[in-house]
Amino acid sequence: MRLRDLAFLAGAAGVATLVYGALVEARKVVVERKTLALPGWPERLSGYRIALLSDLHIGSRASIDLAYRAIEKALDESPDMVVIAGDFVESWNPSVPRILGDCLEQLLLMDGNVVAIPGNHDYYRGDPEILRMICDELNIKLLRNEVWRHAGITWVGIDSASDGHAEPAYAMSLADADPCIALWHEPDMVDYLPRGCVLQLSGHSHGGQFRFPGGFTPMHTENGRKYPRGFYPDAPTPIYVSRGIGTTFLPSRLNCAPEVAILTLVPAEIYA
C-alpha cells in the first residue's frame, strides 16, 4: 500500500473517531461512585456524600442538555452536598446568564447545600461576579478565595490559578476549624496548596477528553496535566479530579465520558 493511501486511511480513521466521540461518547453522562478513605476525616462525618460536578461549559445547545442531565443525575443520588468545581460557562454573552440560571435552578432542591468556585472560563468575556449574582438567587455559595463553614465542614474555595486570581495562602489563613475541603478548579495546583485540608476537589482537565489504549492521553490543559482524572490519595493533599461534563477545544471525547462523581468520604484510620 502506498504511503498516500496509508495517510488517507489514517486521516479517515481520525475523522471517524472524532465524529463518534462527538455523537456518542461526549453525550453520555456517567455516574462514578467512589469511596475515598481520607486521613483525618472525622468518624462523625463517615459516609458523607458529595456530588461533584465540573466544567459545564454552558454555551451550545448540546452543553445545555448535558448540564440538565448531569444535575438531574446528581440530585437522583440524594447527596449531602453538591460541589461545582468551576467553568460554569464556555464564555459570557448576553444570553448566557439566563440559560445558566435555568440549568442550575434544579439545585434549589438541595436547600442551600451547594458550594461552587469559578474556573478560568468564567472569566472569558465577563467576570465571575455575574456568576455570584446567579448563585445568590439559587442559594448556591460561590467562594472566591473565601471559606464557608457549613454542615460541620470548612469549605475553602480558591479562585482560578490559570486566570491569575488564586490566593491559596490567604484563603487557607481563614480556615480555623477542621475538617477542611479545598475547592480549586485547576488540579495541578494541589502541589501549591498550603497544608491543612483533607481533600481537594478539582475539574479543568476534562480527563484529557481522549484516552487511547495503554492510557495514552495526548490532550492536556494548562495546570491539568499531572493529575488528569480520578483519585490521587498520595498527592500532597489527596485530590479527586472530575472528568467534567462539557468539552474544550474539540466537542468530542474517547474513552473519557462526562462524569458525575458521587464521593463517599470515610476515615482512613477506620477503613485501612
Protein backbone atom coordinates (compact mmCIF):
# COMPACT_ATOMS: atom_id res chain seq x y z
CA MET A 1 0.00 0.00 0.00
CA ARG A 2 1.36 3.38 -0.95
CA LEU A 3 2.21 5.98 1.67
CA ARG A 4 -0.52 8.26 0.31
CA ASP A 5 -3.12 5.51 0.82
CA LEU A 6 -1.93 4.91 4.38
CA ALA A 7 -2.14 8.61 5.13
CA PHE A 8 -5.67 8.72 3.72
CA LEU A 9 -6.77 5.75 5.85
CA ALA A 10 -5.20 7.26 8.97
CA GLY A 11 -6.95 10.55 8.31
CA ALA A 12 -10.28 8.85 7.71
CA ALA A 13 -9.92 6.86 10.93
CA GLY A 14 -9.15 10.05 12.83
CA VAL A 15 -12.20 11.82 11.45
CA ALA A 16 -14.39 8.80 12.23
CA THR A 17 -13.09 8.75 15.81
CA LEU A 18 -13.85 12.44 16.28
CA VAL A 19 -17.35 12.05 14.85
CA TYR A 20 -18.07 9.02 17.05
CA GLY A 21 -16.70 10.89 20.05
CA ALA A 22 -18.90 13.90 19.34
CA LEU A 23 -22.12 11.99 18.61
CA VAL A 24 -21.81 9.21 21.20
CA GLU A 25 -19.08 9.49 23.83
CA ALA A 26 -19.40 13.20 24.57
CA ARG A 27 -23.17 12.85 25.05
CA LYS A 28 -23.01 10.17 27.72
CA VAL A 29 -23.23 11.16 31.36
CA VAL A 30 -21.69 8.51 33.61
CA VAL A 31 -22.21 8.37 37.38
CA GLU A 32 -18.96 7.36 39.09
CA ARG A 33 -19.49 6.19 42.68
CA LYS A 34 -16.26 6.23 44.69
CA THR A 35 -15.42 5.76 48.36
CA LEU A 36 -12.50 7.94 49.44
CA ALA A 37 -10.65 6.89 52.60
CA LEU A 38 -9.12 10.12 53.94
CA PRO A 39 -6.58 10.53 56.74
CA GLY A 40 -8.00 12.99 59.24
CA TRP A 41 -11.62 12.66 58.17
CA PRO A 42 -13.73 12.55 61.36
CA GLU A 43 -15.76 9.49 62.26
CA ARG A 44 -18.80 11.69 62.93
CA LEU A 45 -18.88 12.51 59.20
CA SER A 46 -18.17 8.99 57.96
CA GLY A 47 -20.34 8.28 54.94
CA TYR A 48 -20.72 11.96 53.98
CA ARG A 49 -21.63 12.06 50.27
CA ILE A 50 -20.61 14.72 47.78
CA ALA A 51 -21.86 15.03 44.20
CA LEU A 52 -19.01 16.63 42.25
CA LEU A 53 -19.81 18.45 39.01
CA SER A 54 -17.37 20.45 36.93
CA ASP A 55 -16.85 22.11 33.57
CA LEU A 56 -20.44 22.54 32.42
CA HIS A 57 -19.15 24.92 29.72
CA ILE A 58 -22.65 26.26 29.09
CA GLY A 59 -22.91 27.78 25.64
CA SER A 60 -24.06 25.39 22.92
CA ARG A 61 -27.39 23.56 22.84
CA ALA A 62 -25.57 20.27 23.45
CA SER A 63 -23.87 21.68 26.56
CA ILE A 64 -27.22 22.83 27.96
CA ASP A 65 -28.72 19.37 27.53
CA LEU A 66 -25.69 17.74 29.15
CA ALA A 67 -25.81 20.13 32.11
CA TYR A 68 -29.52 19.44 32.74
CA ARG A 69 -28.96 15.69 32.65
CA ALA A 70 -25.85 15.83 34.83
CA ILE A 71 -27.59 17.86 37.52
CA GLU A 72 -30.60 15.53 37.43
CA LYS A 73 -28.32 12.52 37.91
CA ALA A 74 -26.54 14.24 40.80
CA LEU A 75 -29.84 15.02 42.52
CA ASP A 76 -31.07 11.45 41.98
CA GLU A 77 -28.21 10.29 44.23
CA SER A 78 -29.51 12.37 47.19
CA PRO A 79 -26.05 13.68 48.16
CA ASP A 80 -25.32 15.65 51.31
CA MET A 81 -23.61 18.35 49.27
CA VAL A 82 -23.22 19.32 45.62
CA VAL A 83 -19.87 20.83 44.63
CA ILE A 84 -19.41 22.66 41.32
CA ALA A 85 -15.69 22.95 40.62
CA GLY A 86 -15.66 25.77 38.08
CA ASP A 87 -16.10 26.55 34.39
CA PHE A 88 -19.85 27.07 34.53
CA VAL A 89 -19.73 28.72 31.08
CA GLU A 90 -17.74 28.47 27.89
CA SER A 91 -17.71 32.29 27.77
CA TRP A 92 -20.11 35.07 28.65
CA ASN A 93 -22.56 36.67 26.25
CA PRO A 94 -25.89 38.44 26.90
CA SER A 95 -27.95 35.22 26.73
CA VAL A 96 -25.72 33.01 28.89
CA PRO A 97 -26.77 34.25 32.38
CA ARG A 98 -30.42 33.36 31.75
CA ILE A 99 -29.55 29.97 30.23
CA LEU A 100 -27.16 29.16 33.08
CA GLY A 101 -29.74 30.17 35.67
CA ASP A 102 -32.31 27.90 34.06
CA CYS A 103 -29.85 24.98 34.11
CA LEU A 104 -28.93 25.48 37.76
CA GLU A 105 -32.47 26.10 39.01
CA GLN A 106 -32.88 22.39 39.83
CA LEU A 107 -30.27 22.84 42.56
CA LEU A 108 -32.77 24.76 44.66
CA LEU A 109 -33.86 21.27 45.72
CA MET A 110 -30.59 20.98 47.68
CA ASP A 111 -31.87 23.64 50.10
CA GLY A 112 -28.59 25.56 50.26
CA ASN A 113 -26.27 22.55 50.29
CA VAL A 114 -24.40 23.61 47.15
CA VAL A 115 -20.95 25.21 47.04
CA ALA A 116 -19.02 26.36 43.99
CA ILE A 117 -15.90 28.11 42.70
CA PRO A 118 -15.09 29.85 39.41
CA GLY A 119 -12.89 28.38 36.72
CA ASN A 120 -10.78 30.10 34.09
CA HIS A 121 -13.61 30.09 31.52
CA ASP A 122 -15.79 32.01 33.94
CA TYR A 123 -13.52 34.99 33.20
CA TYR A 124 -13.90 34.77 29.41
CA ARG A 125 -15.63 37.90 28.09
CA GLY A 126 -17.04 38.63 31.53
CA ASP A 127 -16.49 38.34 35.25
CA PRO A 128 -17.40 35.73 37.90
CA GLU A 129 -19.36 38.40 39.77
CA ILE A 130 -22.05 37.73 37.15
CA LEU A 131 -21.88 34.17 38.40
CA ARG A 132 -22.18 35.30 42.01
CA MET A 133 -25.46 37.06 41.28
CA ILE A 134 -26.87 33.90 39.68
CA CYS A 135 -25.65 31.73 42.53
CA ASP A 136 -27.10 34.06 45.16
CA GLU A 137 -30.51 33.78 43.52
CA LEU A 138 -30.32 29.97 43.61
CA ASN A 139 -28.93 29.54 47.14
CA ILE A 140 -25.53 28.39 45.86
CA LYS A 141 -22.49 29.51 47.86
CA LEU A 142 -19.82 30.84 45.49
CA LEU A 143 -16.35 31.08 47.01
CA ARG A 144 -13.56 33.23 45.59
CA ASN A 145 -10.58 32.91 47.93
CA GLU A 146 -13.10 32.56 50.75
CA VAL A 147 -14.16 29.96 53.28
CA TRP A 148 -17.58 28.73 54.32
CA ARG A 149 -18.25 26.79 57.50
CA HIS A 150 -21.23 24.59 56.68
CA ALA A 151 -22.51 21.19 57.77
CA GLY A 152 -19.54 20.73 60.10
CA ILE A 153 -17.01 21.21 57.26
CA THR A 154 -14.84 24.19 56.34
CA TRP A 155 -15.06 24.64 52.59
CA VAL A 156 -12.04 26.52 51.22
CA GLY A 157 -12.80 27.92 47.76
CA ILE A 158 -9.80 29.15 45.76
CA ASP A 159 -10.20 31.24 42.61
CA SER A 160 -8.76 30.31 39.22
CA ALA A 161 -4.99 29.93 39.05
CA SER A 162 -4.88 29.84 35.26
CA ASP A 163 -6.54 33.25 35.14
CA GLY A 164 -4.23 34.63 37.84
CA HIS A 165 -6.78 35.14 40.64
CA ALA A 166 -5.83 32.38 43.09
CA GLU A 167 -4.87 33.33 46.66
CA PRO A 168 -4.41 29.95 48.35
CA ALA A 169 -2.38 31.18 51.34
CA TYR A 170 -4.94 33.87 52.13
CA ALA A 171 -7.89 31.51 51.73
CA MET A 172 -6.27 28.88 53.96
CA SER A 173 -5.49 31.52 56.59
CA LEU A 174 -9.26 31.97 57.00
CA ALA A 175 -9.82 28.29 57.77
CA ASP A 176 -9.98 27.97 61.53
CA ALA A 177 -11.80 24.67 62.02
CA ASP A 178 -11.41 21.07 60.84
CA PRO A 179 -12.08 19.24 58.65
CA CYS A 180 -11.26 21.40 55.60
CA ILE A 181 -12.00 20.56 51.97
CA ALA A 182 -10.35 22.71 49.28
CA LEU A 183 -12.09 23.50 46.02
CA TRP A 184 -9.66 24.62 43.31
CA HIS A 185 -10.51 24.39 39.63
CA GLU A 186 -7.02 23.51 38.40
CA PRO A 187 -5.88 20.13 39.79
CA ASP A 188 -2.13 20.53 39.36
CA MET A 189 -2.24 23.43 41.83
CA VAL A 190 -2.66 20.89 44.63
CA ASP A 191 1.14 20.89 44.76
CA TYR A 192 0.94 24.53 45.95
CA LEU A 193 -1.96 24.18 48.37
CA PRO A 194 -0.89 25.01 51.95
CA ARG A 195 -1.28 22.04 54.26
CA GLY A 196 -4.40 21.67 56.35
CA CYS A 197 -7.05 20.19 54.05
CA VAL A 198 -8.06 16.54 53.99
CA LEU A 199 -9.13 16.69 50.33
CA GLN A 200 -9.03 18.87 47.22
CA LEU A 201 -11.77 18.71 44.58
CA SER A 202 -10.99 19.87 41.05
CA GLY A 203 -12.01 19.74 37.42
CA HIS A 204 -10.44 21.63 34.47
CA SER A 205 -8.61 18.70 32.86
CA HIS A 206 -11.71 17.10 31.27
CA GLY A 207 -9.90 13.85 31.99
CA GLY A 208 -7.86 14.56 28.89
CA GLN A 209 -11.04 14.01 26.77
CA PHE A 210 -9.26 11.34 24.68
CA ARG A 211 -7.83 8.15 26.19
CA PHE A 212 -6.22 5.61 23.91
CA PRO A 213 -5.08 2.03 24.66
CA GLY A 214 -2.46 1.92 27.37
CA GLY A 215 -3.86 5.08 28.95
CA PHE A 216 -2.20 7.40 26.40
CA THR A 217 -3.75 10.85 26.79
CA PRO A 218 -2.42 13.33 24.21
CA MET A 219 -4.55 16.34 25.15
CA HIS A 220 -3.95 18.33 28.34
CA THR A 221 -4.98 21.67 29.76
CA GLU A 222 -2.70 24.18 31.47
CA ASN A 223 -2.42 23.15 35.14
CA GLY A 224 -4.30 19.94 34.36
CA ARG A 225 -1.54 17.64 33.16
CA LYS A 226 -0.13 15.96 36.28
CA TYR A 227 -3.47 14.95 37.83
CA PRO A 228 -5.84 14.48 34.87
CA ARG A 229 -8.67 12.36 36.37
CA GLY A 230 -9.77 10.30 39.32
CA PHE A 231 -8.45 9.97 42.87
CA TYR A 232 -4.84 10.62 43.85
CA PRO A 233 -4.51 9.67 47.53
CA ASP A 234 -0.74 10.20 47.56
CA ALA A 235 -0.75 13.78 46.24
CA PRO A 236 0.46 16.42 48.73
CA THR A 237 -3.21 16.73 49.65
CA PRO A 238 -5.44 13.84 48.49
CA ILE A 239 -7.28 15.05 45.40
CA TYR A 240 -10.19 13.91 43.28
CA VAL A 241 -10.33 15.28 39.72
CA SER A 242 -13.58 15.19 37.76
CA ARG A 243 -13.59 14.45 34.04
CA GLY A 244 -16.18 17.23 33.80
CA ILE A 245 -19.37 17.47 31.80
CA GLY A 246 -18.60 19.64 28.78
CA THR A 247 -15.67 19.66 26.40
CA THR A 248 -12.94 22.10 25.44
CA PHE A 249 -11.19 22.79 22.13
CA LEU A 250 -12.84 19.82 20.37
CA PRO A 251 -16.50 18.87 21.06
CA SER A 252 -15.58 15.20 21.25
CA ARG A 253 -14.41 12.52 23.71
CA LEU A 254 -13.00 9.00 23.57
CA ASN A 255 -12.97 6.53 26.50
CA CYS A 256 -13.46 9.54 28.76
CA ALA A 257 -17.20 10.13 29.18
CA PRO A 258 -18.70 13.11 31.04
CA GLU A 259 -18.76 12.40 34.76
CA VAL A 260 -20.97 12.98 37.77
CA ALA A 261 -18.81 11.82 40.69
CA ILE A 262 -20.55 10.63 43.86
CA LEU A 263 -17.86 10.63 46.53
CA THR A 264 -18.43 8.93 49.88
CA LEU A 265 -15.91 10.14 52.45
CA VAL A 266 -14.74 7.81 55.22
CA PRO A 267 -11.87 7.95 57.76
CA ALA A 268 -8.76 6.15 56.51
CA GLU A 269 -7.90 5.20 60.09
CA ILE A 270 -11.03 3.02 60.31
CA TYR A 271 -11.18 1.68 56.75
CA ALA A 272 -7.48 0.99 56.26
